[in-house]
Amino acid sequence: MEELRHTISPMRAFSILAGTALVALALAATQGHAAPGSSRAEYSLEVAHICAGALLFDHAHDMGTRADALAVARDIRASTAQRLARVSALPTPPELQRISRRWISSERGLAAMYARIWVRIYDTIDAARTPAQRTALPRRLEQLVHAPDSLKRAAGRLGLELHVPDCTGGG
């Protein structure tokens, strides 16, 4: 009796090979990402990958009008929100969940403050019309620039505990 031998057509063989390669690539790609029960180090690396090199705002903007300042403020909020949404989607080790939520909240607050300050700086410069107002302008701008400092320090302390960089782009 003749033994049955199944042959695979070249196109079917290619499909099987391509499918196997895609599955292998998908498995290899997911091994680099934090999984449930991931370690502190894996979580920190994933967050750092998302936040490293963050810019305060992602797009070029015109400057010179209040509408321009408001557009920059929207971009500051949106760019940070986008990065923090990616961070929030990461599986967080149970022991880091509380501090991670606090850090994400502080980063959101910091981005909101940067956005408000951006508009306030524009308004302050625009309102300086008299010589006395212009003389007071450097002091007032310095106050505005340093207004987020305490929140920045608090976010930084939380970031140090998590071993993650600033995610707002405000440094």
C-alpha atoms as a PDB file:
ATOM      1  CA  MET A   1       0.000   0.000   0.000  1.00  0.00           C
ATOM      2  CA  GLU A   2       1.291   3.376  -0.892  1.00  0.00           C
ATOM      3  CA  GLU A   3       1.951   5.799   1.943  1.00  0.00           C
ATOM      4  CA  LEU A   4      -0.048   8.998   1.775  1.00  0.00           C
ATOM      5  CA  ARG A   5       2.157  12.031   1.567  1.00  0.00           C
ATOM      6  CA  HIS A   6       0.603  15.428   1.876  1.00  0.00           C
ATOM      7  CA  THR A   7       2.322  18.213   0.074  1.00  0.00           C
ATOM      8  CA  ILE A   8       2.006  21.862   0.892  1.00  0.00           C
ATOM      9  CA  SER A   9       1.703  24.257  -1.964  1.00  0.00           C
ATOM     10  CA  PRO A  10       4.290  27.076  -2.086  1.00  0.00           C
ATOM     11  CA  MET A  11       1.660  29.766  -1.374  1.00  0.00           C
ATOM     12  CA  ARG A  12       0.299  27.888   1.622  1.00  0.00           C
ATOM     13  CA  ALA A  13       3.830  27.341   2.910  1.00  0.00           C
ATOM     14  CA  PHE A  14       4.496  31.068   2.590  1.00  0.00           C
ATOM     15  CA  SER A  15       1.289  31.858   4.518  1.00  0.00           C
ATOM     16  CA  ILE A  16       2.252  29.472   7.312  1.00  0.00           C
ATOM     17  CA  LEU A  17       5.774  30.879   7.474  1.00  0.00           C
ATOM     18  CA  ALA A  18       4.539  34.488   7.486  1.00  0.00           C
ATOM     19  CA  GLY A  19       1.949  33.751  10.174  1.00  0.00           C
ATOM     20  CA  THR A  20       4.515  32.005  12.350  1.00  0.00           C
ATOM     21  CA  ALA A  21       6.932  34.906  11.943  1.00  0.00           C
ATOM     22  CA  LEU A  22       4.234  37.430  12.940  1.00  0.00           C
ATOM     23  CA  VAL A  23       3.340  35.441  16.049  1.00  0.00           C
ATOM     24  CA  ALA A  24       7.025  35.176  16.993  1.00  0.00           C
ATOM     25  CA  LEU A  25       7.490  38.932  16.513  1.00  0.00           C
ATOM     26  CA  ALA A  26       4.416  39.697  18.595  1.00  0.00           C
ATOM     27  CA  LEU A  27       5.636  37.487  21.421  1.00  0.00           C
ATOM     28  CA  ALA A  28       9.105  39.009  21.301  1.00  0.00           C
ATOM     29  CA  ALA A  29       7.662  42.540  21.333  1.00  0.00           C
ATOM     30  CA  THR A  30       5.453  41.883  24.360  1.00  0.00           C
ATOM     31  CA  GLN A  31       8.329  40.447  26.368  1.00  0.00           C
ATOM     32  CA  GLY A  32       9.857  43.946  26.561  1.00  0.00           C
ATOM     33  CA  HIS A  33       6.711  45.441  28.092  1.00  0.00           C
ATOM     34  CA  ALA A  34       5.652  45.304  31.697  1.00  0.00           C
ATOM     35  CA  ALA A  35       3.212  42.517  32.383  1.00  0.00           C
ATOM     36  CA  PRO A  36       0.835  42.102  35.293  1.00  0.00           C
ATOM     37  CA  GLY A  37       3.003  41.426  38.299  1.00  0.00           C
ATOM     38  CA  SER A  38       5.839  43.338  36.681  1.00  0.00           C
ATOM     39  CA  SER A  39       8.696  44.556  38.782  1.00  0.00           C
ATOM     40  CA  ARG A  40       9.400  48.065  39.982  1.00  0.00           C
ATOM     41  CA  ALA A  41      12.334  48.239  37.578  1.00  0.00           C
ATOM     42  CA  GLU A  42      10.246  47.187  34.570  1.00  0.00           C
ATOM     43  CA  TYR A  43       7.570  49.737  35.434  1.00  0.00           C
ATOM     44  CA  SER A  44      10.145  52.512  35.860  1.00  0.00           C
ATOM     45  CA  LEU A  45      11.768  51.634  32.532  1.00  0.00           C
ATOM     46  CA  GLU A  46       8.425  51.683  30.722  1.00  0.00           C
ATOM     47  CA  VAL A  47       7.498  55.065  32.231  1.00  0.00           C
ATOM     48  CA  ALA A  48      10.947  56.442  31.436  1.00  0.00           C
ATOM     49  CA  HIS A  49      10.557  55.263  27.840  1.00  0.00           C
ATOM     50  CA  ILE A  50       7.294  57.222  27.565  1.00  0.00           C
ATOM     51  CA  CYS A  51       8.434  60.369  29.388  1.00  0.00           C
ATOM     52  CA  ALA A  52      12.125  60.719  28.542  1.00  0.00           C
ATOM     53  CA  GLY A  53      12.749  63.735  26.344  1.00  0.00           C
ATOM     54  CA  ALA A  54       9.228  65.074  26.850  1.00  0.00           C
ATOM     55  CA  LEU A  55       8.648  68.573  25.500  1.00  0.00           C
ATOM     56  CA  LEU A  56       6.426  71.110  27.210  1.00  0.00           C
ATOM     57  CA  PHE A  57       4.383  71.307  24.028  1.00  0.00           C
ATOM     58  CA  ASP A  58       4.552  69.196  20.891  1.00  0.00           C
ATOM     59  CA  HIS A  59       3.784  71.603  18.075  1.00  0.00           C
ATOM     60  CA  ALA A  60       5.229  74.841  16.747  1.00  0.00           C
ATOM     61  CA  HIS A  61       3.113  77.864  17.606  1.00  0.00           C
ATOM     62  CA  ASP A  62       2.858  81.475  16.580  1.00  0.00           C
ATOM     63  CA  MET A  63       3.542  83.922  19.373  1.00  0.00           C
ATOM     64  CA  GLY A  64       2.271  87.424  19.802  1.00  0.00           C
ATOM     65  CA  THR A  65      -1.437  87.260  20.567  1.00  0.00           C
ATOM     66  CA  ARG A  66      -3.466  86.015  23.483  1.00  0.00           C
ATOM     67  CA  ALA A  67      -5.036  83.448  21.153  1.00  0.00           C
ATOM     68  CA  ASP A  68      -1.510  82.156  20.449  1.00  0.00           C
ATOM     69  CA  ALA A  69      -0.809  81.915  24.186  1.00  0.00           C
ATOM     70  CA  LEU A  70      -4.079  80.040  24.705  1.00  0.00           C
ATOM     71  CA  ALA A  71      -3.164  77.612  21.882  1.00  0.00           C
ATOM     72  CA  VAL A  72       0.188  76.917  23.548  1.00  0.00           C
ATOM     73  CA  ALA A  73      -1.596  76.364  26.870  1.00  0.00           C
ATOM     74  CA  ARG A  74      -3.948  73.828  25.226  1.00  0.00           C
ATOM     75  CA  ASP A  75      -0.955  72.052  23.681  1.00  0.00           C
ATOM     76  CA  ILE A  76       0.857  71.932  27.043  1.00  0.00           C
ATOM     77  CA  ARG A  77      -2.146  70.237  28.627  1.00  0.00           C
ATOM     78  CA  ALA A  78      -2.754  67.902  25.680  1.00  0.00           C
ATOM     79  CA  SER A  79       0.830  66.740  25.210  1.00  0.00           C
ATOM     80  CA  THR A  80       1.213  65.895  28.896  1.00  0.00           C
ATOM     81  CA  ALA A  81      -2.233  64.278  29.009  1.00  0.00           C
ATOM     82  CA  GLN A  82      -1.297  62.069  26.059  1.00  0.00           C
ATOM     83  CA  ARG A  83       1.912  60.856  27.715  1.00  0.00           C
ATOM     84  CA  LEU A  84       0.215  60.339  31.077  1.00  0.00           C
ATOM     85  CA  ALA A  85      -2.587  58.345  29.430  1.00  0.00           C
ATOM     86  CA  ARG A  86       0.074  55.988  28.105  1.00  0.00           C
ATOM     87  CA  VAL A  87       1.632  55.774  31.567  1.00  0.00           C
ATOM     88  CA  SER A  88      -1.780  55.129  33.158  1.00  0.00           C
ATOM     89  CA  ALA A  89      -2.361  52.245  30.749  1.00  0.00           C
ATOM     90  CA  LEU A  90       0.753  50.428  31.986  1.00  0.00           C
ATOM     91  CA  PRO A  91       0.314  47.592  34.443  1.00  0.00           C
ATOM     92  CA  THR A  92       1.530  48.928  37.770  1.00  0.00           C
ATOM     93  CA  PRO A  93       3.071  46.682  40.408  1.00  0.00           C
ATOM     94  CA  PRO A  94       0.739  46.609  43.432  1.00  0.00           C
ATOM     95  CA  GLU A  95       3.296  48.213  45.733  1.00  0.00           C
ATOM     96  CA  LEU A  96       3.607  51.207  43.352  1.00  0.00           C
ATOM     97  CA  GLN A  97      -0.064  51.830  42.602  1.00  0.00           C
ATOM     98  CA  ARG A  98      -0.627  54.473  45.274  1.00  0.00           C
ATOM     99  CA  ILE A  99       2.534  56.464  44.605  1.00  0.00           C
ATOM    100  CA  SER A 100       2.068  56.112  40.849  1.00  0.00           C
ATOM    101  CA  ARG A 101      -1.435  57.628  41.087  1.00  0.00           C
ATOM    102  CA  ARG A 102      -0.047  60.481  43.199  1.00  0.00           C
ATOM    103  CA  TRP A 103       2.796  61.087  40.727  1.00  0.00           C
ATOM    104  CA  ILE A 104       0.451  61.069  37.719  1.00  0.00           C
ATOM    105  CA  SER A 105      -1.885  63.482  39.527  1.00  0.00           C
ATOM    106  CA  SER A 106       0.996  65.808  40.401  1.00  0.00           C
ATOM    107  CA  GLU A 107       2.251  65.727  36.802  1.00  0.00           C
ATOM    108  CA  ARG A 108      -1.241  66.635  35.546  1.00  0.00           C
ATOM    109  CA  GLY A 109      -1.436  69.480  38.053  1.00  0.00           C
ATOM    110  CA  LEU A 110       2.007  70.684  37.053  1.00  0.00           C
ATOM    111  CA  ALA A 111       1.075  70.702  33.351  1.00  0.00           C
ATOM    112  CA  ALA A 112      -2.116  72.628  34.139  1.00  0.00           C
ATOM    113  CA  MET A 113      -0.080  75.144  36.120  1.00  0.00           C
ATOM    114  CA  TYR A 114       2.460  75.521  33.297  1.00  0.00           C
ATOM    115  CA  ALA A 115      -0.419  76.183  30.904  1.00  0.00           C
ATOM    116  CA  ARG A 116      -1.984  78.828  33.192  1.00  0.00           C
ATOM    117  CA  ILE A 117       1.403  80.463  33.772  1.00  0.00           C
ATOM    118  CA  TRP A 118       2.073  80.617  30.029  1.00  0.00           C
ATOM    119  CA  VAL A 119      -1.097  82.672  29.510  1.00  0.00           C
ATOM    120  CA  ARG A 120      -0.441  84.794  32.615  1.00  0.00           C
ATOM    121  CA  ILE A 121       3.044  85.628  31.335  1.00  0.00           C
ATOM    122  CA  TYR A 122       1.547  86.786  28.056  1.00  0.00           C
ATOM    123  CA  ASP A 123      -1.119  88.838  29.886  1.00  0.00           C
ATOM    124  CA  THR A 124       1.478  90.393  32.209  1.00  0.00           C
ATOM    125  CA  ILE A 125       3.721  91.465  29.338  1.00  0.00           C
ATOM    126  CA  ASP A 126       0.763  92.735  27.327  1.00  0.00           C
ATOM    127  CA  ALA A 127      -0.588  94.770  30.263  1.00  0.00           C
ATOM    128  CA  ALA A 128       2.719  96.554  30.969  1.00  0.00           C
ATOM    129  CA  ARG A 129       2.021  99.931  29.342  1.00  0.00           C
ATOM    130  CA  THR A 130       3.416 102.564  31.691  1.00  0.00           C
ATOM    131  CA  PRO A 131       7.099 103.031  32.604  1.00  0.00           C
ATOM    132  CA  ALA A 132       6.339 101.908  36.181  1.00  0.00           C
ATOM    133  CA  GLN A 133       4.617  98.751  34.927  1.00  0.00           C
ATOM    134  CA  ARG A 134       7.530  97.993  32.605  1.00  0.00           C
ATOM    135  CA  THR A 135       9.991  98.534  35.458  1.00  0.00           C
ATOM    136  CA  ALA A 136       8.077  96.032  37.616  1.00  0.00           C
ATOM    137  CA  LEU A 137       7.842  93.525  34.745  1.00  0.00           C
ATOM    138  CA  PRO A 138      11.080  91.533  35.407  1.00  0.00           C
ATOM    139  CA  ARG A 139      10.160  90.975  39.060  1.00  0.00           C
ATOM    140  CA  ARG A 140       6.609  89.950  38.158  1.00  0.00           C
ATOM    141  CA  LEU A 141       7.793  87.594  35.388  1.00  0.00           C
ATOM    142  CA  GLU A 142      10.291  85.995  37.770  1.00  0.00           C
ATOM    143  CA  GLN A 143       7.453  85.346  40.239  1.00  0.00           C
ATOM    144  CA  LEU A 144       5.366  83.754  37.494  1.00  0.00           C
ATOM    145  CA  VAL A 145       8.224  81.617  36.191  1.00  0.00           C
ATOM    146  CA  HIS A 146       8.901  80.304  39.707  1.00  0.00           C
ATOM    147  CA  ALA A 147       5.245  79.869  40.709  1.00  0.00           C
ATOM    148  CA  PRO A 148       5.265  76.116  39.859  1.00  0.00           C
ATOM    149  CA  ASP A 149       8.474  75.437  41.813  1.00  0.00           C
ATOM    150  CA  SER A 150       6.873  73.874  44.908  1.00  0.00           C
ATOM    151  CA  LEU A 151       4.627  71.602  42.834  1.00  0.00           C
ATOM    152  CA  LYS A 152       7.608  70.770  40.627  1.00  0.00           C
ATOM    153  CA  ARG A 153       9.617  69.748  43.714  1.00  0.00           C
ATOM    154  CA  ALA A 154       6.747  67.588  45.003  1.00  0.00           C
ATOM    155  CA  ALA A 155       6.367  65.862  41.634  1.00  0.00           C
ATOM    156  CA  GLY A 156      10.127  65.436  41.494  1.00  0.00           C
ATOM    157  CA  ARG A 157      10.205  63.727  44.909  1.00  0.00           C
ATOM    158  CA  LEU A 158       7.516  61.284  43.773  1.00  0.00           C
ATOM    159  CA  GLY A 159       9.391  60.747  40.518  1.00  0.00           C
ATOM    160  CA  LEU A 160      12.553  59.937  42.481  1.00  0.00           C
ATOM    161  CA  GLU A 161      10.680  57.325  44.504  1.00  0.00           C
ATOM    162  CA  LEU A 162       9.423  55.763  41.268  1.00  0.00           C
ATOM    163  CA  HIS A 163      12.743  56.279  39.447  1.00  0.00           C
ATOM    164  CA  VAL A 164      10.990  58.075  36.573  1.00  0.00           C
ATOM    165  CA  PRO A 165      11.690  61.376  34.798  1.00  0.00           C
ATOM    166  CA  ASP A 166       9.475  64.436  34.536  1.00  0.00           C
ATOM    167  CA  CYS A 167       6.653  63.724  32.076  1.00  0.00           C
ATOM    168  CA  THR A 168       5.480  67.321  31.532  1.00  0.00           C
ATOM    169  CA  GLY A 169       8.458  68.553  29.575  1.00  0.00           C
ATOM    170  CA  GLY A 170       8.805  71.422  32.026  1.00  0.00           C
ATOM    171  CA  GLY A 171      11.984  69.914  33.410  1.00  0.00           C
END
